[in-house]
Amino acid sequence: MFRAFLTVGGWTMASRVLGLVRDQLLAILIGVGAMQDAYQVAFRLPNMFRRLFGEGAFNAAFVPMFSSILHRDGLPTAQRFANEALGVLSFWLLALTVLGEVFMPQVVWVIGSGFARRPEVFDLAVTLSRITFPYMLLICAAALVSGVLNGLDRYAAAAAAYVLFNVVGIAAILWLTPHVPSVAHAAAWGVTISGVVQLGALLWAARRAGLHFSLPRPRMTPEMRVLMRRIAPGLVGSGVTQLNLVVDTIVATWMPAGSVSLIYFADRVNQLPLGVLGAAAGTSMLPLLSRQIQAGEIDAAHRTQGRAIEYALVLTLPAALALIALAAPIMATLFGYGKFTTLDAVLSAQSLCAYAVGLPFFVLVKVLGPGFFARGDTATPVRLGMITLALNFALNLALYRPLAHVGPPLASSLASMINVLLLAGTLGRRGQLRADRALISRLARMALAAMVMTAVLVAAQHGPLAHVEAQRPLRRAVELGLLIVVGMGVYGGMLHALGVVSAAEAWRGLSGRLRRRRAS
């Protein structure tokens, strides 16, 4: 599982880094304001489907079923099941895409109701949403092919496909802008074009693996009925984080112009560790956990869940505290150019701190979810998810006026904490999650190491590494890089000193992996 974790995490990291480049272009060329707000609402809908299906509900429902059929009946039967799923999914999503295009004003009103007060922004959001909406169909088909590849333990191609999303998006912003009305239009077209490229790349990878997809007439076979029943509740159960972000966006449209953009850029930085660690842990863990449960290896399943929690938190805890300690220099260094002002960076940094508070809990939701999905239980996460969604909405309404752009991110973080407590408590009561003394001890030592690192980072910003003036972007970037290196060094040293990770063992593992890569 650790090898798969690193593979998915590595490609996801590449995708997130390129995503930051794409967002930097949007910040420089558009800045914070009405056009950026309209584009972000148009981008939110297909991006939500990408995360729900590519990293959430579809994966959670399809992969365990595909793995079970593959283990029980062999590859030809599993391939037939995948083709049937593709036929049914494509039929329903095509119908939904057509309806969405026709009724897009109503769709935009749901996810951006506050724009109704500003007709020009609302109309732009509708136009951009009609451009981006077909991406939903394309990425859901791509998610199915990715699920098949993951079920066959071929994680690299599926994870690498998401890199193409940002590569195409960057190219569209740079080269398509002169030929369309605005940068926002170019970025919107880049979203849909990237869906075509991703699906094509995954089908090519599947063909190289000996798989041949077809699009049969949609039929609701018994297997399809089971799959659909598991997907429907899983859309909420595994996608609570994304649905909470949609709630944040809805509330932000009722706030002053630019609020959607401030929250979006903060979320993008928060998504770097969240997407890398959460997606890697959930994606690599689910097929293995499903096979262990199918084979009756209960003790092995408990160990897998425990290791996944450790792998996620050993990096998530320091990431969350570092984002809080370095929020202002991070936002200024990444986005503080062009039309994105210094004040915009400071305000967005405040939103980032609120998101970072909940970062470990956002990741744990993705780690605990497979504990239900691998056992075929999607009903429990959806019940708990509905509680979390209601709580998030209530917190948003309570916080957005007194805290402005900090309110929605903080509401999501608080709701995510409750979601983790509910998920972990339910698994624990069922005897499906064991937090033994060794796991608790290691987590406590990780937390101590992360707190020491944070203290050093805060002190460094007021000492020899105190940040330089905002007008010197190169020096600002060098300073931030030094702070990150110092933080990593302190955290790694503390992990070694506290006996959490042995430097020698970590080096042997990394060098062994590099040797295997070169040999292959």
Protein backbone atom coordinates (compact mmCIF):
# COMPACT_ATOMS: atom_id res chain seq x y z
CA MET A 1 0.00 0.00 0.00
CA PHE A 2 2.86 2.40 0.78
CA ARG A 3 4.19 2.11 -2.78
CA ALA A 4 0.73 2.88 -4.19
CA PHE A 5 0.40 5.76 -1.70
CA LEU A 6 3.66 7.27 -2.98
CA THR A 7 2.73 6.72 -6.64
CA VAL A 8 -0.67 8.40 -6.36
CA GLY A 9 0.71 11.08 -4.05
CA GLY A 10 3.61 11.88 -6.39
CA TRP A 11 1.44 12.34 -9.46
CA THR A 12 -1.17 14.23 -7.48
CA MET A 13 1.55 16.54 -6.17
CA ALA A 14 2.64 17.25 -9.75
CA SER A 15 -0.97 18.01 -10.66
CA ARG A 16 -1.40 20.33 -7.67
CA VAL A 17 1.82 22.22 -8.44
CA LEU A 18 0.70 22.76 -12.03
CA GLY A 19 -2.69 23.76 -10.64
CA LEU A 20 -0.99 26.48 -8.63
CA VAL A 21 0.68 27.75 -11.82
CA ARG A 22 -2.72 27.84 -13.49
CA ASP A 23 -4.20 29.73 -10.54
CA GLN A 24 -1.30 32.16 -10.55
CA LEU A 25 -2.12 33.03 -14.14
CA LEU A 26 -5.76 33.61 -13.20
CA ALA A 27 -4.71 35.82 -10.25
CA ILE A 28 -2.25 37.85 -12.34
CA LEU A 29 -4.52 38.32 -15.36
CA ILE A 30 -7.93 38.67 -13.68
CA GLY A 31 -7.24 39.51 -10.03
CA VAL A 32 -9.97 39.52 -7.38
CA GLY A 33 -13.37 40.85 -8.46
CA ALA A 34 -16.61 40.19 -10.31
CA MET A 35 -15.09 38.36 -13.33
CA GLN A 36 -13.03 36.07 -11.12
CA ASP A 37 -16.08 35.40 -8.94
CA ALA A 38 -18.16 34.45 -12.00
CA TYR A 39 -15.48 32.13 -13.33
CA GLN A 40 -14.98 30.43 -9.96
CA VAL A 41 -18.70 29.68 -9.68
CA ALA A 42 -18.66 28.26 -13.22
CA PHE A 43 -15.58 26.20 -12.33
CA ARG A 44 -16.97 25.01 -9.00
CA LEU A 45 -19.66 22.77 -10.48
CA PRO A 46 -17.54 20.60 -12.84
CA ASN A 47 -14.66 20.65 -10.37
CA MET A 48 -16.98 19.30 -7.70
CA PHE A 49 -17.95 16.43 -9.99
CA ARG A 50 -14.29 15.77 -10.72
CA ARG A 51 -13.52 15.41 -7.03
CA LEU A 52 -16.70 13.57 -6.14
CA PHE A 53 -16.39 11.03 -8.96
CA GLY A 54 -12.66 10.96 -9.58
CA GLU A 55 -11.68 10.85 -5.92
CA GLY A 56 -14.91 10.03 -4.12
CA ALA A 57 -18.31 8.47 -4.68
CA PHE A 58 -17.75 6.60 -7.92
CA ASN A 59 -14.39 5.29 -6.77
CA ALA A 60 -15.92 4.27 -3.44
CA ALA A 61 -18.74 2.30 -5.09
CA PHE A 62 -17.13 0.96 -8.25
CA VAL A 63 -13.66 -0.13 -7.14
CA PRO A 64 -14.79 -2.57 -4.39
CA MET A 65 -17.32 -4.18 -6.76
CA PHE A 66 -14.81 -4.39 -9.61
CA SER A 67 -12.13 -5.83 -7.28
CA SER A 68 -14.57 -8.37 -5.88
CA ILE A 69 -15.72 -9.54 -9.34
CA LEU A 70 -12.11 -9.65 -10.55
CA HIS A 71 -11.06 -11.74 -7.53
CA ARG A 72 -14.06 -14.06 -7.78
CA ASP A 73 -14.77 -14.42 -11.52
CA GLY A 74 -11.66 -13.25 -13.38
CA LEU A 75 -10.76 -10.41 -15.73
CA PRO A 76 -13.23 -11.10 -18.61
CA THR A 77 -16.23 -10.88 -16.28
CA ALA A 78 -14.81 -7.79 -14.58
CA GLN A 79 -14.26 -6.17 -18.00
CA ARG A 80 -17.89 -6.87 -18.95
CA PHE A 81 -19.05 -5.29 -15.68
CA ALA A 82 -16.93 -2.20 -16.40
CA ASN A 83 -18.38 -1.84 -19.92
CA GLU A 84 -21.93 -2.16 -18.58
CA ALA A 85 -21.19 0.48 -15.97
CA LEU A 86 -19.78 2.79 -18.66
CA GLY A 87 -22.92 2.39 -20.76
CA VAL A 88 -25.32 3.16 -17.90
CA LEU A 89 -23.22 6.02 -16.50
CA SER A 90 -22.77 7.67 -19.89
CA PHE A 91 -26.49 7.50 -20.68
CA TRP A 92 -27.60 9.18 -17.46
CA LEU A 93 -24.82 11.76 -17.44
CA LEU A 94 -25.49 12.72 -21.06
CA ALA A 95 -29.12 13.35 -20.17
CA LEU A 96 -28.03 15.37 -17.12
CA THR A 97 -25.59 17.39 -19.24
CA VAL A 98 -28.31 18.30 -21.77
CA LEU A 99 -30.69 19.32 -18.98
CA GLY A 100 -27.94 21.34 -17.33
CA GLU A 101 -27.20 23.25 -20.51
CA VAL A 102 -30.88 24.07 -21.01
CA PHE A 103 -31.56 25.10 -17.41
CA MET A 104 -28.16 26.61 -16.62
CA PRO A 105 -29.60 29.91 -15.28
CA GLN A 106 -31.47 27.93 -12.65
CA VAL A 107 -28.36 25.85 -11.85
CA VAL A 108 -26.25 28.98 -11.40
CA TRP A 109 -28.92 30.49 -9.19
CA VAL A 110 -28.62 27.45 -6.89
CA ILE A 111 -24.82 27.58 -6.51
CA GLY A 112 -24.46 31.36 -6.84
CA SER A 113 -27.77 32.82 -5.75
CA GLY A 114 -26.11 36.00 -4.46
CA PHE A 115 -25.18 36.93 -8.04
CA ALA A 116 -28.85 37.56 -8.80
CA ARG A 117 -28.34 41.02 -7.29
CA ARG A 118 -25.71 41.74 -9.99
CA PRO A 119 -27.21 40.77 -13.39
CA GLU A 120 -23.99 41.27 -15.38
CA VAL A 121 -22.07 38.89 -13.09
CA PHE A 122 -24.93 36.38 -13.12
CA ASP A 123 -25.11 36.37 -16.95
CA LEU A 124 -21.34 35.88 -17.21
CA ALA A 125 -21.48 33.00 -14.74
CA VAL A 126 -24.23 31.34 -16.82
CA THR A 127 -22.21 31.68 -20.04
CA LEU A 128 -19.04 30.29 -18.48
CA SER A 129 -20.93 27.46 -16.79
CA ARG A 130 -22.40 26.35 -20.11
CA ILE A 131 -18.86 26.10 -21.46
CA THR A 132 -17.51 24.08 -18.52
CA PHE A 133 -20.50 21.80 -17.82
CA PRO A 134 -19.74 19.07 -20.43
CA TYR A 135 -16.57 18.35 -18.45
CA MET A 136 -18.81 16.51 -15.99
CA LEU A 137 -19.67 13.79 -18.53
CA LEU A 138 -16.08 13.44 -19.70
CA ILE A 139 -14.50 13.25 -16.25
CA CYS A 140 -17.03 10.75 -14.94
CA ALA A 141 -16.24 8.41 -17.85
CA ALA A 142 -12.55 8.97 -17.15
CA ALA A 143 -13.15 8.15 -13.47
CA LEU A 144 -14.57 4.76 -14.45
CA VAL A 145 -11.50 3.92 -16.53
CA SER A 146 -9.31 5.12 -13.64
CA GLY A 147 -11.22 2.87 -11.25
CA VAL A 148 -10.55 -0.15 -13.46
CA LEU A 149 -6.84 0.67 -13.62
CA ASN A 150 -6.72 1.15 -9.83
CA GLY A 151 -8.52 -2.16 -9.34
CA LEU A 152 -5.73 -3.79 -11.35
CA ASP A 153 -3.13 -2.05 -9.13
CA ARG A 154 -2.12 0.27 -11.99
CA TYR A 155 -2.18 3.56 -10.12
CA ALA A 156 0.29 5.64 -12.12
CA ALA A 157 -1.73 6.19 -15.31
CA ALA A 158 -4.92 7.08 -13.44
CA ALA A 159 -3.11 9.53 -11.14
CA ALA A 160 -1.09 11.03 -13.99
CA ALA A 161 -4.25 11.82 -15.99
CA TYR A 162 -5.12 14.65 -13.62
CA VAL A 163 -1.86 16.37 -14.53
CA LEU A 164 -3.34 16.87 -17.99
CA PHE A 165 -6.20 18.91 -16.53
CA ASN A 166 -3.81 21.64 -15.48
CA VAL A 167 -1.48 21.34 -18.48
CA VAL A 168 -4.38 21.94 -20.86
CA GLY A 169 -5.78 24.68 -18.60
CA ILE A 170 -2.48 26.58 -18.63
CA ALA A 171 -2.19 26.23 -22.40
CA ALA A 172 -5.74 27.52 -22.90
CA ILE A 173 -5.14 30.61 -20.76
CA LEU A 174 -1.91 31.44 -22.58
CA TRP A 175 -2.90 30.72 -26.17
CA LEU A 176 -6.69 30.88 -26.38
CA THR A 177 -7.23 34.22 -24.61
CA PRO A 178 -6.62 36.42 -27.71
CA HIS A 179 -9.35 34.51 -29.61
CA VAL A 180 -12.19 34.67 -27.03
CA PRO A 181 -13.88 37.54 -25.15
CA SER A 182 -11.81 37.28 -21.94
CA VAL A 183 -9.30 35.27 -19.91
CA ALA A 184 -12.24 33.75 -18.03
CA HIS A 185 -13.70 32.40 -21.30
CA ALA A 186 -10.34 30.89 -22.25
CA ALA A 187 -10.00 29.23 -18.84
CA ALA A 188 -13.54 27.83 -19.12
CA TRP A 189 -12.82 26.28 -22.54
CA GLY A 190 -9.63 24.83 -21.09
CA VAL A 191 -11.68 22.91 -18.51
CA THR A 192 -13.81 21.10 -21.11
CA ILE A 193 -10.95 20.47 -23.55
CA SER A 194 -8.95 18.92 -20.71
CA GLY A 195 -11.76 16.42 -20.15
CA VAL A 196 -11.40 15.16 -23.72
CA VAL A 197 -7.63 14.85 -23.31
CA GLN A 198 -7.85 13.05 -19.96
CA LEU A 199 -10.40 10.51 -21.17
CA GLY A 200 -8.37 9.82 -24.31
CA ALA A 201 -5.15 9.32 -22.32
CA LEU A 202 -6.82 6.90 -19.90
CA LEU A 203 -8.40 4.85 -22.69
CA TRP A 204 -4.97 4.60 -24.30
CA ALA A 205 -3.43 3.46 -20.99
CA ALA A 206 -6.20 0.89 -20.56
CA ARG A 207 -5.62 -0.48 -24.05
CA ARG A 208 -1.90 -0.86 -23.26
CA ALA A 209 -2.94 -2.85 -20.17
CA GLY A 210 -4.97 -5.23 -22.35
CA LEU A 211 -8.39 -3.71 -21.61
CA HIS A 212 -10.82 -2.83 -24.37
CA PHE A 213 -13.71 -0.56 -23.44
CA SER A 214 -16.92 -0.40 -25.41
CA LEU A 215 -20.16 1.51 -24.98
CA PRO A 216 -22.97 -1.07 -24.83
CA ARG A 217 -26.68 -0.30 -24.71
CA PRO A 218 -27.46 0.77 -21.13
CA ARG A 219 -29.08 -2.08 -19.18
CA MET A 220 -29.97 -2.13 -15.49
CA THR A 221 -28.55 -5.55 -14.66
CA PRO A 222 -28.51 -6.71 -11.02
CA GLU A 223 -24.87 -5.56 -10.72
CA MET A 224 -25.79 -2.13 -12.11
CA ARG A 225 -28.63 -1.74 -9.62
CA VAL A 226 -26.25 -2.48 -6.76
CA LEU A 227 -23.69 -0.03 -8.18
CA MET A 228 -26.24 2.77 -8.58
CA ARG A 229 -27.58 2.21 -5.07
CA ARG A 230 -24.06 2.57 -3.71
CA ILE A 231 -23.16 5.61 -5.81
CA ALA A 232 -26.21 7.68 -4.87
CA PRO A 233 -25.59 7.89 -1.12
CA GLY A 234 -21.84 7.91 -1.68
CA LEU A 235 -22.14 11.24 -3.47
CA VAL A 236 -22.78 12.73 -0.05
CA GLY A 237 -20.98 10.21 2.11
CA SER A 238 -17.58 10.49 0.43
CA GLY A 239 -18.04 14.01 -0.87
CA VAL A 240 -18.94 15.89 2.27
CA THR A 241 -15.82 18.03 2.01
CA GLN A 242 -16.65 19.08 -1.55
CA LEU A 243 -20.29 19.71 -0.77
CA ASN A 244 -19.23 21.83 2.19
CA LEU A 245 -17.08 23.88 -0.19
CA VAL A 246 -20.11 24.39 -2.43
CA VAL A 247 -22.03 25.68 0.59
CA ASP A 248 -19.11 28.04 1.24
CA THR A 249 -19.38 29.31 -2.34
CA ILE A 250 -23.15 29.83 -2.12
CA VAL A 251 -22.78 31.91 1.03
CA ALA A 252 -19.79 33.81 -0.40
CA THR A 253 -21.86 35.01 -3.38
CA TRP A 254 -23.94 37.00 -0.89
CA MET A 255 -20.83 38.75 0.41
CA PRO A 256 -19.01 41.74 -1.17
CA ALA A 257 -17.53 41.32 -4.66
CA GLY A 258 -14.29 39.39 -4.58
CA SER A 259 -15.20 37.22 -1.58
CA VAL A 260 -15.66 34.12 -3.75
CA SER A 261 -12.21 34.70 -5.22
CA LEU A 262 -10.51 35.25 -1.85
CA ILE A 263 -11.92 31.99 -0.52
CA TYR A 264 -11.11 30.14 -3.74
CA PHE A 265 -7.40 31.02 -3.74
CA ALA A 266 -7.13 30.08 -0.07
CA ASP A 267 -8.84 26.77 -0.80
CA ARG A 268 -6.44 26.08 -3.68
CA VAL A 269 -3.43 26.32 -1.37
CA ASN A 270 -5.21 24.19 1.24
CA GLN A 271 -6.04 21.64 -1.48
CA LEU A 272 -2.34 21.07 -2.21
CA PRO A 273 -1.72 18.88 0.87
CA LEU A 274 -5.37 17.84 1.08
CA GLY A 275 -5.54 16.60 -2.49
CA VAL A 276 -2.14 14.91 -2.39
CA LEU A 277 -2.52 13.14 0.95
CA GLY A 278 -6.27 12.60 1.03
CA ALA A 279 -6.58 11.31 -2.52
CA ALA A 280 -3.45 9.17 -2.19
CA ALA A 281 -4.56 7.59 1.08
CA GLY A 282 -8.13 6.91 -0.02
CA THR A 283 -7.30 5.73 -3.55
CA SER A 284 -4.46 3.40 -2.58
CA MET A 285 -6.22 2.05 0.51
CA LEU A 286 -9.65 1.16 -0.88
CA PRO A 287 -8.72 -1.72 -3.26
CA LEU A 288 -6.39 -3.32 -0.68
CA LEU A 289 -8.91 -2.99 2.14
CA SER A 290 -11.66 -4.43 -0.09
CA ARG A 291 -9.56 -7.49 -0.94
CA GLN A 292 -8.60 -8.09 2.69
CA ILE A 293 -12.21 -7.92 3.86
CA GLN A 294 -13.35 -10.17 1.00
CA ALA A 295 -10.69 -12.70 2.02
CA GLY A 296 -11.68 -12.51 5.70
CA GLU A 297 -8.32 -11.04 6.75
CA ILE A 298 -9.75 -8.85 9.49
CA ASP A 299 -6.51 -8.24 11.41
CA ALA A 300 -4.78 -7.23 8.17
CA ALA A 301 -7.64 -4.83 7.40
CA HIS A 302 -7.22 -3.18 10.82
CA ARG A 303 -3.50 -2.79 10.21
CA THR A 304 -4.17 -1.27 6.78
CA GLN A 305 -6.55 1.30 8.27
CA GLY A 306 -4.08 2.17 11.02
CA ARG A 307 -1.18 2.59 8.59
CA ALA A 308 -3.31 4.80 6.35
CA ILE A 309 -4.09 7.09 9.30
CA GLU A 310 -0.38 7.28 10.16
CA TYR A 311 0.72 7.92 6.57
CA ALA A 312 -1.85 10.70 6.21
CA LEU A 313 -1.24 12.47 9.52
CA VAL A 314 2.55 12.26 9.53
CA LEU A 315 2.50 14.87 6.76
CA THR A 316 -0.89 16.50 7.30
CA LEU A 317 -0.25 17.71 10.85
CA PRO A 318 2.90 19.70 9.98
CA ALA A 319 1.30 20.93 6.74
CA ALA A 320 -1.70 22.35 8.62
CA LEU A 321 0.39 24.12 11.25
CA ALA A 322 2.86 25.42 8.64
CA LEU A 323 0.01 26.86 6.56
CA ILE A 324 -1.24 28.74 9.60
CA ALA A 325 2.23 30.00 10.56
CA LEU A 326 3.18 31.00 6.98
CA ALA A 327 -0.22 31.94 5.51
CA ALA A 328 0.62 35.56 4.65
CA PRO A 329 4.01 34.94 2.98
CA ILE A 330 2.57 31.93 1.13
CA MET A 331 -0.32 33.86 -0.41
CA ALA A 332 1.88 36.89 -1.20
CA THR A 333 4.56 34.73 -2.81
CA LEU A 334 2.19 32.58 -4.86
CA PHE A 335 -0.37 35.14 -6.02
CA GLY A 336 0.77 38.65 -5.08
CA TYR A 337 1.44 39.88 -8.63
CA GLY A 338 -0.38 41.71 -11.39
CA LYS A 339 -4.00 42.43 -10.50
CA PHE A 340 -3.79 40.42 -7.25
CA THR A 341 -2.88 43.13 -4.71
CA THR A 342 -1.03 42.92 -1.39
CA LEU A 343 -4.32 43.51 0.44
CA ASP A 344 -5.89 40.64 -1.52
CA ALA A 345 -3.03 38.39 -0.36
CA VAL A 346 -3.52 39.37 3.30
CA LEU A 347 -7.29 38.81 3.17
CA SER A 348 -6.93 35.48 1.38
CA ALA A 349 -4.31 34.41 3.95
CA GLN A 350 -6.93 34.86 6.65
CA SER A 351 -9.22 32.45 4.80
CA LEU A 352 -6.31 30.04 4.42
CA CYS A 353 -5.73 29.95 8.19
CA ALA A 354 -9.38 29.02 8.72
CA TYR A 355 -9.16 26.19 6.17
CA ALA A 356 -5.85 24.93 7.59
CA VAL A 357 -7.43 24.44 11.03
CA GLY A 358 -9.52 21.66 9.51
CA LEU A 359 -6.91 20.20 7.15
CA PRO A 360 -6.12 17.05 9.21
CA PHE A 361 -9.84 16.38 9.55
CA PHE A 362 -10.50 16.89 5.82
CA VAL A 363 -7.86 14.20 5.14
CA LEU A 364 -9.15 11.85 7.84
CA VAL A 365 -12.61 11.92 6.25
CA LYS A 366 -11.03 10.46 3.10
CA VAL A 367 -9.10 7.89 5.13
CA LEU A 368 -12.04 6.75 7.27
CA GLY A 369 -14.54 6.62 4.39
CA PRO A 370 -13.04 3.47 2.80
CA GLY A 371 -13.63 1.66 6.11
CA PHE A 372 -17.34 1.80 5.23
CA PHE A 373 -17.11 1.58 1.44
CA ALA A 374 -14.90 -1.54 1.45
CA ARG A 375 -17.65 -3.30 3.41
CA GLY A 376 -20.32 -2.16 0.95
CA ASP A 377 -21.81 0.31 3.45
CA THR A 378 -22.56 3.66 1.84
CA ALA A 379 -25.70 4.33 3.87
CA THR A 380 -23.93 5.19 7.13
CA PRO A 381 -21.55 7.79 5.64
CA VAL A 382 -24.48 9.48 3.91
CA ARG A 383 -26.42 9.78 7.15
CA LEU A 384 -23.41 11.22 8.91
CA GLY A 385 -22.69 13.41 5.88
CA MET A 386 -26.15 14.93 5.99
CA ILE A 387 -25.62 15.85 9.63
CA THR A 388 -22.31 17.48 8.71
CA LEU A 389 -23.81 19.38 5.78
CA ALA A 390 -26.61 20.75 7.95
CA LEU A 391 -24.09 21.79 10.58
CA ASN A 392 -21.85 23.46 7.99
CA PHE A 393 -24.76 25.41 6.54
CA ALA A 394 -25.82 26.58 10.01
CA LEU A 395 -22.26 27.60 10.87
CA ASN A 396 -21.93 29.47 7.57
CA LEU A 397 -25.05 31.49 8.30
CA ALA A 398 -23.81 32.22 11.81
CA LEU A 399 -20.26 33.19 10.85
CA TYR A 400 -20.29 34.89 7.45
CA ARG A 401 -21.52 38.26 8.71
CA PRO A 402 -19.20 38.71 11.72
CA LEU A 403 -16.16 37.04 10.12
CA ALA A 404 -16.76 37.89 6.41
CA HIS A 405 -14.44 35.85 4.12
CA VAL A 406 -13.11 33.87 7.12
CA GLY A 407 -16.56 32.61 8.12
CA PRO A 408 -17.27 30.01 5.39
CA PRO A 409 -13.79 28.36 5.58
CA LEU A 410 -13.98 28.18 9.37
CA ALA A 411 -17.47 26.68 9.15
CA SER A 412 -16.16 23.93 6.85
CA SER A 413 -13.29 23.17 9.20
CA LEU A 414 -15.52 22.90 12.26
CA ALA A 415 -18.03 20.72 10.39
CA SER A 416 -15.24 18.45 9.19
CA MET A 417 -14.06 17.93 12.77
CA ILE A 418 -17.54 16.73 13.74
CA ASN A 419 -17.67 14.48 10.67
CA VAL A 420 -14.42 12.74 11.67
CA LEU A 421 -15.69 12.18 15.22
CA LEU A 422 -18.90 10.64 13.87
CA LEU A 423 -17.12 8.41 11.33
CA ALA A 424 -14.44 7.21 13.75
CA GLY A 425 -16.95 6.68 16.56
CA THR A 426 -19.20 4.57 14.33
CA LEU A 427 -16.33 2.40 13.06
CA GLY A 428 -15.04 2.01 16.61
CA ARG A 429 -18.41 0.90 17.99
CA ARG A 430 -18.66 -1.70 15.24
CA GLY A 431 -15.19 -3.04 16.00
CA GLN A 432 -13.97 -1.98 12.55
CA LEU A 433 -11.40 0.56 13.77
CA ARG A 434 -8.80 -0.16 16.41
CA ALA A 435 -6.78 2.68 17.90
CA ASP A 436 -4.19 0.68 19.87
CA ARG A 437 -1.64 2.21 22.21
CA ALA A 438 1.13 2.09 19.59
CA LEU A 439 -0.94 4.12 17.11
CA ILE A 440 -1.99 6.68 19.73
CA SER A 441 1.62 7.04 20.94
CA ARG A 442 2.94 7.61 17.42
CA LEU A 443 0.23 10.19 16.67
CA ALA A 444 0.99 12.04 19.90
CA ARG A 445 4.70 12.19 19.05
CA MET A 446 3.88 13.41 15.53
CA ALA A 447 1.76 16.21 17.02
CA LEU A 448 4.58 17.21 19.39
CA ALA A 449 7.08 17.32 16.51
CA ALA A 450 4.70 19.47 14.45
CA MET A 451 4.19 21.92 17.34
CA VAL A 452 7.95 22.33 17.82
CA MET A 453 8.30 23.00 14.09
CA THR A 454 5.56 25.64 14.27
CA ALA A 455 7.25 27.42 17.17
CA VAL A 456 10.48 27.57 15.19
CA LEU A 457 8.70 28.95 12.10
CA VAL A 458 6.96 31.68 14.08
CA ALA A 459 10.23 32.64 15.78
CA ALA A 460 12.13 32.64 12.47
CA GLN A 461 9.71 35.15 10.94
CA HIS A 462 10.63 37.58 13.69
CA GLY A 463 14.34 36.77 13.65
CA PRO A 464 16.98 36.24 10.97
CA LEU A 465 14.39 35.16 8.41
CA ALA A 466 11.94 38.03 9.01
CA HIS A 467 10.16 38.53 5.70
CA VAL A 468 11.24 41.26 3.37
CA GLU A 469 9.13 43.95 1.76
CA ALA A 470 6.33 42.94 -0.58
CA GLN A 471 7.96 44.83 -3.48
CA ARG A 472 10.79 42.27 -3.69
CA PRO A 473 9.12 39.10 -5.06
CA LEU A 474 12.38 37.21 -5.63
CA ARG A 475 13.62 37.81 -2.09
CA ARG A 476 10.17 36.98 -0.77
CA ALA A 477 10.22 33.64 -2.60
CA VAL A 478 13.74 32.85 -1.36
CA GLU A 479 12.73 33.67 2.21
CA LEU A 480 9.65 31.46 2.01
CA GLY A 481 11.75 28.64 0.59
CA LEU A 482 14.20 28.97 3.48
CA LEU A 483 11.37 28.89 6.00
CA ILE A 484 9.97 25.74 4.42
CA VAL A 485 13.38 24.05 4.43
CA VAL A 486 13.91 25.02 8.08
CA GLY A 487 10.46 23.70 8.99
CA MET A 488 11.02 20.41 7.19
CA GLY A 489 14.40 19.98 8.83
CA VAL A 490 13.08 20.66 12.32
CA TYR A 491 10.08 18.35 11.85
CA GLY A 492 12.17 15.53 10.37
CA GLY A 493 14.71 15.88 13.16
CA MET A 494 12.00 15.78 15.81
CA LEU A 495 10.42 12.68 14.25
CA HIS A 496 13.79 10.97 14.39
CA ALA A 497 14.53 12.14 17.95
CA LEU A 498 11.10 10.99 19.17
CA GLY A 499 11.45 7.59 17.51
CA VAL A 500 8.58 8.03 15.05
CA VAL A 501 10.72 7.63 11.93
CA SER A 502 14.26 6.32 11.65
CA ALA A 503 16.31 8.39 9.22
CA ALA A 504 18.31 5.31 8.21
CA GLU A 505 15.17 3.25 7.52
CA ALA A 506 13.58 6.09 5.57
CA TRP A 507 16.71 6.45 3.42
CA ARG A 508 16.88 2.69 2.79
CA GLY A 509 13.23 2.66 1.76
CA LEU A 510 13.64 5.63 -0.59
CA SER A 511 16.86 4.32 -2.16
CA GLY A 512 15.30 0.89 -2.62
CA ARG A 513 12.32 2.43 -4.38
CA LEU A 514 14.63 4.42 -6.68
CA ARG A 515 16.58 1.27 -7.53
CA ARG A 516 13.35 -0.56 -8.41
CA ARG A 517 12.30 2.36 -10.60
CA ARG A 518 15.61 2.28 -12.49
CA ALA A 519 15.43 -1.52 -12.84
CA SER A 520 11.95 -1.33 -14.31
